Amino acid sequence: MTSGTTSAIPDLTLNDGTTIPQLGFGVFQVPPAETEKVTLDAFEAGYRHIDTAQMYGNEKGVGAALASSGLARDEVYLTTKLNNAFHRPDDARRTFEQSLADLGTDHVDLFLIHWPLPTRYDGDFVSTWNTLIEFAADGRARSIGVSNFTPEHLARLAAETSVVPAVNQIEVHPYFGNEATRAAGAAAGILTEAWSPIAQGAVLDDPTVVAIAERVGRTPSQVVLRWHVQRGDIVFPKTVTPARMRENLALFDFELGADDVAAITALDRGEKGRRGPDPETFDWIPA
């Protein structure tokens, strides 16, 4: 399986010396029964970076797609994330082994703590992080990171552990720039991965975005995704439509001017723009 698009996707260097494709394909909310086909469509379009999670329930579908794709394991960058129910070290070890089995691989490229859950587990996400450090040490996770961690959570890991997360996957889009968390990550050498990059479509009708898109001859989605890329973040547009998959890949043959980037950044609404849960209070654990 080959694609001329793949080579255009830049690799970014993580703080552990490994590299990660800046553009990936997310399978959040893709039904398990459809995941293999959707992931194969993504491979066919040119994606080589797949972002899943234990709580998505579709790791087996991603693994099946990888197995049937004809792609070598080292051609695909795989990320998955720890289920909120398994933060305790022994639980995390057991469920990580299950993830490897479901994905059909002896390692993942990146493993994340999905949510910090500061009101659960006596507020102890540090022992959970230390368990991920074990996975990195034995090579079963090439890189480790966190998701939805605030600057305060990152500072605690820095104060109490010896390994800095490679990435922090957080909500970022024009209506919620999450700039304090991005800045805290940048200061520590942590790359930001942006989830909900187009605010579940809410920004695509924004007059500022539409005007820029019309002027540069691109779709609003491409303009917003290009904004993320030019800011240096890793991004995972989500779609199950092959044509839209290809559209979302076509980001590397145009560039936004500095004024356009600034205009989109200025759409930030602060906390009012947040569409997902607040990491300080989110405490959901799946049954």
C-alpha atoms as a PDB file:
ATOM      1  CA  MET A   1       0.000   0.000   0.000  1.00  0.00           C
ATOM      2  CA  THR A   2       1.538   3.275  -1.071  1.00  0.00           C
ATOM      3  CA  SER A   3       0.555   6.909  -1.201  1.00  0.00           C
ATOM      4  CA  GLY A   4       2.277   9.955  -2.574  1.00  0.00           C
ATOM      5  CA  THR A   5       0.755  12.021   0.212  1.00  0.00           C
ATOM      6  CA  THR A   6       2.548  10.301   3.062  1.00  0.00           C
ATOM      7  CA  SER A   7       5.976  11.713   2.318  1.00  0.00           C
ATOM      8  CA  ALA A   8       4.624  15.253   2.604  1.00  0.00           C
ATOM      9  CA  ILE A   9       3.720  14.872   6.288  1.00  0.00           C
ATOM     10  CA  PRO A  10       6.530  16.314   8.436  1.00  0.00           C
ATOM     11  CA  ASP A  11       8.021  14.373  11.313  1.00  0.00           C
ATOM     12  CA  LEU A  12       8.527  16.219  14.588  1.00  0.00           C
ATOM     13  CA  THR A  13      11.235  15.224  17.057  1.00  0.00           C
ATOM     14  CA  LEU A  14      10.089  14.376  20.583  1.00  0.00           C
ATOM     15  CA  ASN A  15      12.112  15.101  23.702  1.00  0.00           C
ATOM     16  CA  ASP A  16      13.190  11.443  23.901  1.00  0.00           C
ATOM     17  CA  GLY A  17      14.812  11.602  20.461  1.00  0.00           C
ATOM     18  CA  THR A  18      12.102   9.680  18.584  1.00  0.00           C
ATOM     19  CA  THR A  19      10.026  11.229  15.813  1.00  0.00           C
ATOM     20  CA  ILE A  20       6.276  11.474  15.299  1.00  0.00           C
ATOM     21  CA  PRO A  21       4.271  12.363  12.172  1.00  0.00           C
ATOM     22  CA  GLN A  22       2.702  15.790  12.712  1.00  0.00           C
ATOM     23  CA  LEU A  23      -0.581  14.747  11.120  1.00  0.00           C
ATOM     24  CA  GLY A  24      -2.399  11.629  12.283  1.00  0.00           C
ATOM     25  CA  PHE A  25      -5.758   9.935  12.005  1.00  0.00           C
ATOM     26  CA  GLY A  26      -7.963   9.655  15.088  1.00  0.00           C
ATOM     27  CA  VAL A  27     -10.486   6.858  15.573  1.00  0.00           C
ATOM     28  CA  PHE A  28     -12.413   8.422  18.462  1.00  0.00           C
ATOM     29  CA  GLN A  29     -16.115   7.508  18.140  1.00  0.00           C
ATOM     30  CA  VAL A  30     -15.494   5.154  15.224  1.00  0.00           C
ATOM     31  CA  PRO A  31     -17.675   2.104  16.010  1.00  0.00           C
ATOM     32  CA  PRO A  32     -15.580  -1.020  16.702  1.00  0.00           C
ATOM     33  CA  ALA A  33     -17.262  -2.939  13.875  1.00  0.00           C
ATOM     34  CA  GLU A  34     -16.284  -0.221  11.385  1.00  0.00           C
ATOM     35  CA  THR A  35     -12.798   0.519  12.660  1.00  0.00           C
ATOM     36  CA  GLU A  36     -10.864  -1.900  10.474  1.00  0.00           C
ATOM     37  CA  LYS A  37     -12.396  -0.538   7.260  1.00  0.00           C
ATOM     38  CA  VAL A  38     -12.079   3.106   8.308  1.00  0.00           C
ATOM     39  CA  THR A  39      -8.458   2.619   9.332  1.00  0.00           C
ATOM     40  CA  LEU A  40      -7.685   0.844   6.058  1.00  0.00           C
ATOM     41  CA  ASP A  41      -9.268   3.775   4.210  1.00  0.00           C
ATOM     42  CA  ALA A  42      -7.008   6.095   6.192  1.00  0.00           C
ATOM     43  CA  PHE A  43      -3.954   4.034   5.254  1.00  0.00           C
ATOM     44  CA  GLU A  44      -5.033   4.118   1.609  1.00  0.00           C
ATOM     45  CA  ALA A  45      -5.372   7.907   1.776  1.00  0.00           C
ATOM     46  CA  GLY A  46      -1.830   8.168   3.108  1.00  0.00           C
ATOM     47  CA  TYR A  47      -2.074   8.335   6.895  1.00  0.00           C
ATOM     48  CA  ARG A  48       0.612   6.471   8.814  1.00  0.00           C
ATOM     49  CA  HIS A  49      -0.150   7.755  12.307  1.00  0.00           C
ATOM     50  CA  ILE A  50      -3.163   6.243  14.094  1.00  0.00           C
ATOM     51  CA  ASP A  51      -4.465   7.539  17.424  1.00  0.00           C
ATOM     52  CA  THR A  52      -6.712   5.206  19.426  1.00  0.00           C
ATOM     53  CA  ALA A  53      -7.413   4.548  23.118  1.00  0.00           C
ATOM     54  CA  GLN A  54      -8.530   1.763  25.391  1.00  0.00           C
ATOM     55  CA  MET A  55     -11.731   3.669  26.158  1.00  0.00           C
ATOM     56  CA  TYR A  56     -12.587   3.983  22.456  1.00  0.00           C
ATOM     57  CA  GLY A  57     -13.152   0.219  22.392  1.00  0.00           C
ATOM     58  CA  ASN A  58     -11.667  -0.127  18.916  1.00  0.00           C
ATOM     59  CA  GLU A  59      -8.042  -1.158  19.398  1.00  0.00           C
ATOM     60  CA  LYS A  60      -8.820  -4.596  17.900  1.00  0.00           C
ATOM     61  CA  GLY A  61     -10.094  -2.938  14.727  1.00  0.00           C
ATOM     62  CA  VAL A  62      -6.936  -0.865  14.423  1.00  0.00           C
ATOM     63  CA  GLY A  63      -4.858  -4.014  14.955  1.00  0.00           C
ATOM     64  CA  ALA A  64      -6.852  -5.892  12.319  1.00  0.00           C
ATOM     65  CA  ALA A  65      -6.331  -3.055   9.842  1.00  0.00           C
ATOM     66  CA  LEU A  66      -2.603  -3.024  10.477  1.00  0.00           C
ATOM     67  CA  ALA A  67      -2.429  -6.791  10.027  1.00  0.00           C
ATOM     68  CA  SER A  68      -4.327  -6.752   6.723  1.00  0.00           C
ATOM     69  CA  SER A  69      -2.841  -3.558   5.295  1.00  0.00           C
ATOM     70  CA  GLY A  70       0.400  -5.017   4.016  1.00  0.00           C
ATOM     71  CA  LEU A  71       2.269  -2.235   5.812  1.00  0.00           C
ATOM     72  CA  ALA A  72       5.282  -3.109   7.925  1.00  0.00           C
ATOM     73  CA  ARG A  73       4.926  -2.369  11.616  1.00  0.00           C
ATOM     74  CA  ASP A  74       7.628   0.282  11.484  1.00  0.00           C
ATOM     75  CA  GLU A  75       5.722   2.134   8.754  1.00  0.00           C
ATOM     76  CA  VAL A  76       2.845   2.967  11.124  1.00  0.00           C
ATOM     77  CA  TYR A  77       2.962   5.126  14.251  1.00  0.00           C
ATOM     78  CA  LEU A  78       0.510   3.754  16.834  1.00  0.00           C
ATOM     79  CA  THR A  79      -0.767   5.674  19.846  1.00  0.00           C
ATOM     80  CA  THR A  80      -3.127   4.384  22.504  1.00  0.00           C
ATOM     81  CA  LYS A  81      -4.178   5.614  25.936  1.00  0.00           C
ATOM     82  CA  LEU A  82      -4.845   4.266  29.408  1.00  0.00           C
ATOM     83  CA  ASN A  83      -8.439   3.582  30.446  1.00  0.00           C
ATOM     84  CA  ASN A  84      -9.557   5.793  33.346  1.00  0.00           C
ATOM     85  CA  ALA A  85     -10.537   2.663  35.286  1.00  0.00           C
ATOM     86  CA  PHE A  86      -6.970   1.337  35.395  1.00  0.00           C
ATOM     87  CA  HIS A  87      -4.760   4.000  36.935  1.00  0.00           C
ATOM     88  CA  ARG A  88      -3.474   1.798  39.736  1.00  0.00           C
ATOM     89  CA  PRO A  89      -0.072   0.378  38.726  1.00  0.00           C
ATOM     90  CA  ASP A  90      -1.004  -3.309  38.580  1.00  0.00           C
ATOM     91  CA  ASP A  91      -4.185  -2.502  36.668  1.00  0.00           C
ATOM     92  CA  ALA A  92      -2.226  -0.315  34.246  1.00  0.00           C
ATOM     93  CA  ARG A  93       0.298  -3.107  33.643  1.00  0.00           C
ATOM     94  CA  ARG A  94      -2.427  -5.642  32.940  1.00  0.00           C
ATOM     95  CA  THR A  95      -4.446  -3.433  30.613  1.00  0.00           C
ATOM     96  CA  PHE A  96      -1.333  -2.314  28.726  1.00  0.00           C
ATOM     97  CA  GLU A  97      -0.572  -5.939  27.934  1.00  0.00           C
ATOM     98  CA  GLN A  98      -4.147  -6.305  26.696  1.00  0.00           C
ATOM     99  CA  SER A  99      -3.712  -3.277  24.435  1.00  0.00           C
ATOM    100  CA  LEU A 100      -0.641  -4.830  22.853  1.00  0.00           C
ATOM    101  CA  ALA A 101      -2.561  -8.059  22.281  1.00  0.00           C
ATOM    102  CA  ASP A 102      -5.563  -6.247  20.795  1.00  0.00           C
ATOM    103  CA  LEU A 103      -3.365  -4.155  18.525  1.00  0.00           C
ATOM    104  CA  GLY A 104      -1.417  -7.240  17.485  1.00  0.00           C
ATOM    105  CA  THR A 105       1.977  -5.723  18.227  1.00  0.00           C
ATOM    106  CA  ASP A 106       4.825  -6.084  20.700  1.00  0.00           C
ATOM    107  CA  HIS A 107       5.063  -2.330  21.204  1.00  0.00           C
ATOM    108  CA  VAL A 108       3.220   0.934  20.730  1.00  0.00           C
ATOM    109  CA  ASP A 109       4.948   4.069  19.560  1.00  0.00           C
ATOM    110  CA  LEU A 110       3.229   6.254  22.147  1.00  0.00           C
ATOM    111  CA  PHE A 111       1.235   5.435  25.274  1.00  0.00           C
ATOM    112  CA  LEU A 112      -0.622   8.144  27.185  1.00  0.00           C
ATOM    113  CA  ILE A 113      -2.429   8.610  30.472  1.00  0.00           C
ATOM    114  CA  HIS A 114      -5.792   9.573  28.993  1.00  0.00           C
ATOM    115  CA  TRP A 115      -7.001  11.816  31.853  1.00  0.00           C
ATOM    116  CA  PRO A 116      -5.298  12.944  35.079  1.00  0.00           C
ATOM    117  CA  LEU A 117      -8.422  12.357  37.234  1.00  0.00           C
ATOM    118  CA  PRO A 118      -7.181  14.531  40.112  1.00  0.00           C
ATOM    119  CA  THR A 119     -10.332  13.843  42.158  1.00  0.00           C
ATOM    120  CA  ARG A 120      -9.886  10.052  41.842  1.00  0.00           C
ATOM    121  CA  TYR A 121      -7.260   7.652  43.173  1.00  0.00           C
ATOM    122  CA  ASP A 122      -6.466  10.073  46.012  1.00  0.00           C
ATOM    123  CA  GLY A 123      -5.223  12.469  43.364  1.00  0.00           C
ATOM    124  CA  ASP A 124      -2.302  10.159  42.597  1.00  0.00           C
ATOM    125  CA  PHE A 125      -1.490  10.194  38.908  1.00  0.00           C
ATOM    126  CA  VAL A 126       2.240  10.168  39.733  1.00  0.00           C
ATOM    127  CA  SER A 127       2.371   6.431  40.466  1.00  0.00           C
ATOM    128  CA  THR A 128       0.469   5.902  37.217  1.00  0.00           C
ATOM    129  CA  TRP A 129       3.093   7.915  35.366  1.00  0.00           C
ATOM    130  CA  ASN A 130       5.869   5.926  37.019  1.00  0.00           C
ATOM    131  CA  THR A 131       4.219   2.781  35.660  1.00  0.00           C
ATOM    132  CA  LEU A 132       4.318   4.216  32.140  1.00  0.00           C
ATOM    133  CA  ILE A 133       8.015   4.901  32.705  1.00  0.00           C
ATOM    134  CA  GLU A 134       8.382   1.129  33.186  1.00  0.00           C
ATOM    135  CA  PHE A 135       6.760   0.524  29.788  1.00  0.00           C
ATOM    136  CA  ALA A 136       9.207   2.929  28.163  1.00  0.00           C
ATOM    137  CA  ALA A 137      12.166   1.356  29.942  1.00  0.00           C
ATOM    138  CA  ASP A 138      11.353  -2.130  28.657  1.00  0.00           C
ATOM    139  CA  GLY A 139      10.703  -0.892  25.117  1.00  0.00           C
ATOM    140  CA  ARG A 140       7.041  -1.815  24.884  1.00  0.00           C
ATOM    141  CA  ALA A 141       6.212   1.889  24.644  1.00  0.00           C
ATOM    142  CA  ARG A 142       8.701   3.733  22.469  1.00  0.00           C
ATOM    143  CA  SER A 143       7.475   7.036  23.912  1.00  0.00           C
ATOM    144  CA  ILE A 144       5.142   7.974  26.769  1.00  0.00           C
ATOM    145  CA  GLY A 145       3.044  11.014  27.423  1.00  0.00           C
ATOM    146  CA  VAL A 146      -0.107  12.403  28.921  1.00  0.00           C
ATOM    147  CA  SER A 147      -3.440  13.743  27.780  1.00  0.00           C
ATOM    148  CA  ASN A 148      -5.585  16.509  29.264  1.00  0.00           C
ATOM    149  CA  PHE A 149      -2.942  17.488  31.825  1.00  0.00           C
ATOM    150  CA  THR A 150      -2.965  21.102  33.022  1.00  0.00           C
ATOM    151  CA  PRO A 151       0.167  23.171  33.716  1.00  0.00           C
ATOM    152  CA  GLU A 152      -0.187  22.273  37.399  1.00  0.00           C
ATOM    153  CA  HIS A 153      -0.359  18.568  36.611  1.00  0.00           C
ATOM    154  CA  LEU A 154       2.736  18.837  34.411  1.00  0.00           C
ATOM    155  CA  ALA A 155       4.582  20.717  37.143  1.00  0.00           C
ATOM    156  CA  ARG A 156       3.808  17.957  39.625  1.00  0.00           C
ATOM    157  CA  LEU A 157       5.234  15.298  37.309  1.00  0.00           C
ATOM    158  CA  ALA A 158       8.360  17.412  36.877  1.00  0.00           C
ATOM    159  CA  ALA A 159       8.765  17.807  40.633  1.00  0.00           C
ATOM    160  CA  GLU A 160       8.120  14.182  41.584  1.00  0.00           C
ATOM    161  CA  THR A 161       9.432  12.071  38.671  1.00  0.00           C
ATOM    162  CA  SER A 162      12.480  11.864  36.455  1.00  0.00           C
ATOM    163  CA  VAL A 163      10.869  11.570  33.008  1.00  0.00           C
ATOM    164  CA  VAL A 164       9.216  14.431  31.129  1.00  0.00           C
ATOM    165  CA  PRO A 165       6.187  13.473  29.009  1.00  0.00           C
ATOM    166  CA  ALA A 166       6.900  13.469  25.296  1.00  0.00           C
ATOM    167  CA  VAL A 167       3.486  14.918  24.460  1.00  0.00           C
ATOM    168  CA  ASN A 168       0.381  16.338  26.096  1.00  0.00           C
ATOM    169  CA  GLN A 169      -2.768  15.687  24.052  1.00  0.00           C
ATOM    170  CA  ILE A 170      -5.261  18.430  24.916  1.00  0.00           C
ATOM    171  CA  GLU A 171      -8.293  20.205  23.537  1.00  0.00           C
ATOM    172  CA  VAL A 172      -7.097  22.936  21.169  1.00  0.00           C
ATOM    173  CA  HIS A 173      -8.992  24.767  18.440  1.00  0.00           C
ATOM    174  CA  PRO A 174      -9.506  28.411  17.405  1.00  0.00           C
ATOM    175  CA  TYR A 175     -12.263  28.946  19.974  1.00  0.00           C
ATOM    176  CA  PHE A 176     -10.194  27.386  22.768  1.00  0.00           C
ATOM    177  CA  GLY A 177      -6.485  27.959  22.258  1.00  0.00           C
ATOM    178  CA  ASN A 178      -5.564  26.444  25.643  1.00  0.00           C
ATOM    179  CA  GLU A 179      -2.550  28.717  25.464  1.00  0.00           C
ATOM    180  CA  ALA A 180      -1.361  28.415  29.075  1.00  0.00           C
ATOM    181  CA  THR A 181      -1.146  24.646  28.759  1.00  0.00           C
ATOM    182  CA  ARG A 182       0.555  24.856  25.362  1.00  0.00           C
ATOM    183  CA  ALA A 183       3.073  27.310  26.791  1.00  0.00           C
ATOM    184  CA  ALA A 184       3.780  25.145  29.833  1.00  0.00           C
ATOM    185  CA  GLY A 185       4.392  22.203  27.545  1.00  0.00           C
ATOM    186  CA  ALA A 186       6.669  24.167  25.252  1.00  0.00           C
ATOM    187  CA  ALA A 187       8.720  25.411  28.200  1.00  0.00           C
ATOM    188  CA  ALA A 188       9.282  21.809  29.300  1.00  0.00           C
ATOM    189  CA  GLY A 189       9.986  20.450  25.813  1.00  0.00           C
ATOM    190  CA  ILE A 190       6.596  18.714  25.605  1.00  0.00           C
ATOM    191  CA  LEU A 191       4.852  18.772  22.224  1.00  0.00           C
ATOM    192  CA  THR A 192       1.136  19.557  22.115  1.00  0.00           C
ATOM    193  CA  GLU A 193      -1.281  17.249  20.338  1.00  0.00           C
ATOM    194  CA  ALA A 194      -4.573  18.961  19.539  1.00  0.00           C
ATOM    195  CA  TRP A 195      -7.821  17.049  19.925  1.00  0.00           C
ATOM    196  CA  SER A 196     -11.120  18.450  18.637  1.00  0.00           C
ATOM    197  CA  PRO A 197      -9.042  20.564  16.222  1.00  0.00           C
ATOM    198  CA  ILE A 198     -12.038  22.048  14.397  1.00  0.00           C
ATOM    199  CA  ALA A 199     -14.227  22.233  17.534  1.00  0.00           C
ATOM    200  CA  GLN A 200     -16.423  19.426  16.202  1.00  0.00           C
ATOM    201  CA  GLY A 201     -17.060  21.563  13.145  1.00  0.00           C
ATOM    202  CA  ALA A 202     -18.158  24.660  15.052  1.00  0.00           C
ATOM    203  CA  VAL A 203     -15.381  26.880  13.681  1.00  0.00           C
ATOM    204  CA  LEU A 204     -15.959  26.002  10.031  1.00  0.00           C
ATOM    205  CA  ASP A 205     -18.716  28.580   9.616  1.00  0.00           C
ATOM    206  CA  ASP A 206     -16.806  31.315  11.412  1.00  0.00           C
ATOM    207  CA  PRO A 207     -16.656  34.389   9.157  1.00  0.00           C
ATOM    208  CA  THR A 208     -12.937  34.883   9.777  1.00  0.00           C
ATOM    209  CA  VAL A 209     -12.140  31.300   8.821  1.00  0.00           C
ATOM    210  CA  VAL A 210     -14.472  31.366   5.813  1.00  0.00           C
ATOM    211  CA  ALA A 211     -12.973  34.604   4.508  1.00  0.00           C
ATOM    212  CA  ILE A 212      -9.420  33.256   4.773  1.00  0.00           C
ATOM    213  CA  ALA A 213     -10.451  29.993   3.103  1.00  0.00           C
ATOM    214  CA  GLU A 214     -12.033  31.837   0.184  1.00  0.00           C
ATOM    215  CA  ARG A 215      -8.981  34.031  -0.257  1.00  0.00           C
ATOM    216  CA  VAL A 216      -6.443  31.176  -0.257  1.00  0.00           C
ATOM    217  CA  GLY A 217      -8.645  28.804  -2.250  1.00  0.00           C
ATOM    218  CA  ARG A 218      -8.896  26.123   0.438  1.00  0.00           C
ATOM    219  CA  THR A 219     -11.693  24.674   2.552  1.00  0.00           C
ATOM    220  CA  PRO A 220     -12.332  26.058   6.045  1.00  0.00           C
ATOM    221  CA  SER A 221     -11.231  22.716   7.500  1.00  0.00           C
ATOM    222  CA  GLN A 222      -7.924  22.842   5.643  1.00  0.00           C
ATOM    223  CA  VAL A 223      -7.339  26.407   6.833  1.00  0.00           C
ATOM    224  CA  VAL A 224      -7.936  25.528  10.493  1.00  0.00           C
ATOM    225  CA  LEU A 225      -5.812  22.379  10.314  1.00  0.00           C
ATOM    226  CA  ARG A 226      -3.048  24.369   8.613  1.00  0.00           C
ATOM    227  CA  TRP A 227      -3.255  26.885  11.484  1.00  0.00           C
ATOM    228  CA  HIS A 228      -2.557  24.056  13.931  1.00  0.00           C
ATOM    229  CA  VAL A 229       0.341  22.787  11.837  1.00  0.00           C
ATOM    230  CA  GLN A 230       1.979  26.198  11.543  1.00  0.00           C
ATOM    231  CA  ARG A 231       1.753  26.628  15.301  1.00  0.00           C
ATOM    232  CA  GLY A 232       3.792  23.453  15.648  1.00  0.00           C
ATOM    233  CA  ASP A 233       1.126  21.179  17.137  1.00  0.00           C
ATOM    234  CA  ILE A 234       0.334  17.581  16.187  1.00  0.00           C
ATOM    235  CA  VAL A 235      -3.206  17.185  14.929  1.00  0.00           C
ATOM    236  CA  PHE A 236      -5.722  14.361  14.336  1.00  0.00           C
ATOM    237  CA  PRO A 237      -8.632  15.307  12.098  1.00  0.00           C
ATOM    238  CA  LYS A 238     -11.460  12.790  12.388  1.00  0.00           C
ATOM    239  CA  THR A 239     -13.662  11.647   9.533  1.00  0.00           C
ATOM    240  CA  VAL A 240     -14.930   8.341   8.187  1.00  0.00           C
ATOM    241  CA  THR A 241     -15.257   9.669   4.621  1.00  0.00           C
ATOM    242  CA  PRO A 242     -12.333   8.815   2.302  1.00  0.00           C
ATOM    243  CA  ALA A 243     -12.688  12.045   0.313  1.00  0.00           C
ATOM    244  CA  ARG A 244     -12.515  14.091   3.513  1.00  0.00           C
ATOM    245  CA  MET A 245      -9.534  12.036   4.689  1.00  0.00           C
ATOM    246  CA  ARG A 246      -7.660  13.074   1.555  1.00  0.00           C
ATOM    247  CA  GLU A 247      -8.780  16.686   1.921  1.00  0.00           C
ATOM    248  CA  ASN A 248      -7.453  16.785   5.476  1.00  0.00           C
ATOM    249  CA  LEU A 249      -4.087  15.487   4.294  1.00  0.00           C
ATOM    250  CA  ALA A 250      -3.674  18.258   1.738  1.00  0.00           C
ATOM    251  CA  LEU A 251      -2.145  20.749   4.164  1.00  0.00           C
ATOM    252  CA  PHE A 252       1.477  20.873   3.145  1.00  0.00           C
ATOM    253  CA  ASP A 253       1.378  22.586  -0.234  1.00  0.00           C
ATOM    254  CA  PHE A 254       0.139  25.955   1.028  1.00  0.00           C
ATOM    255  CA  GLU A 255       0.885  28.305   3.889  1.00  0.00           C
ATOM    256  CA  LEU A 256      -1.093  30.866   5.831  1.00  0.00           C
ATOM    257  CA  GLY A 257       0.311  34.334   6.234  1.00  0.00           C
ATOM    258  CA  ALA A 258       1.247  35.583   9.679  1.00  0.00           C
ATOM    259  CA  ASP A 259      -1.794  37.886   9.696  1.00  0.00           C
ATOM    260  CA  ASP A 260      -4.101  34.959   8.950  1.00  0.00           C
ATOM    261  CA  VAL A 261      -2.578  32.865  11.732  1.00  0.00           C
ATOM    262  CA  ALA A 262      -2.995  35.793  14.127  1.00  0.00           C
ATOM    263  CA  ALA A 263      -6.609  36.368  13.059  1.00  0.00           C
ATOM    264  CA  ILE A 264      -7.529  32.745  13.715  1.00  0.00           C
ATOM    265  CA  THR A 265      -5.677  32.757  17.039  1.00  0.00           C
ATOM    266  CA  ALA A 266      -7.651  35.878  18.020  1.00  0.00           C
ATOM    267  CA  LEU A 267     -10.903  33.863  17.838  1.00  0.00           C
ATOM    268  CA  ASP A 268     -10.007  32.328  21.224  1.00  0.00           C
ATOM    269  CA  ARG A 269     -12.913  32.597  23.684  1.00  0.00           C
ATOM    270  CA  GLY A 270     -11.026  31.305  26.703  1.00  0.00           C
ATOM    271  CA  GLU A 271     -12.903  28.924  28.971  1.00  0.00           C
ATOM    272  CA  LYS A 272     -16.166  29.819  27.223  1.00  0.00           C
ATOM    273  CA  GLY A 273     -14.785  28.165  24.107  1.00  0.00           C
ATOM    274  CA  ARG A 274     -14.068  24.840  25.759  1.00  0.00           C
ATOM    275  CA  ARG A 275     -16.224  22.056  24.314  1.00  0.00           C
ATOM    276  CA  GLY A 276     -14.904  19.051  26.224  1.00  0.00           C
ATOM    277  CA  PRO A 277     -14.649  18.331  29.966  1.00  0.00           C
ATOM    278  CA  ASP A 278     -12.489  20.350  32.334  1.00  0.00           C
ATOM    279  CA  PRO A 279      -9.520  18.159  33.349  1.00  0.00           C
ATOM    280  CA  GLU A 280      -9.616  19.564  36.876  1.00  0.00           C
ATOM    281  CA  THR A 281     -13.071  18.114  37.516  1.00  0.00           C
ATOM    282  CA  PHE A 282     -13.556  15.336  34.959  1.00  0.00           C
ATOM    283  CA  ASP A 283     -13.819  12.076  36.894  1.00  0.00           C
ATOM    284  CA  TRP A 284     -15.699   9.650  34.630  1.00  0.00           C
ATOM    285  CA  ILE A 285     -14.723   6.016  34.916  1.00  0.00           C
ATOM    286  CA  PRO A 286     -16.323   3.540  32.493  1.00  0.00           C
ATOM    287  CA  ALA A 287     -18.404   0.804  34.055  1.00  0.00           C
END
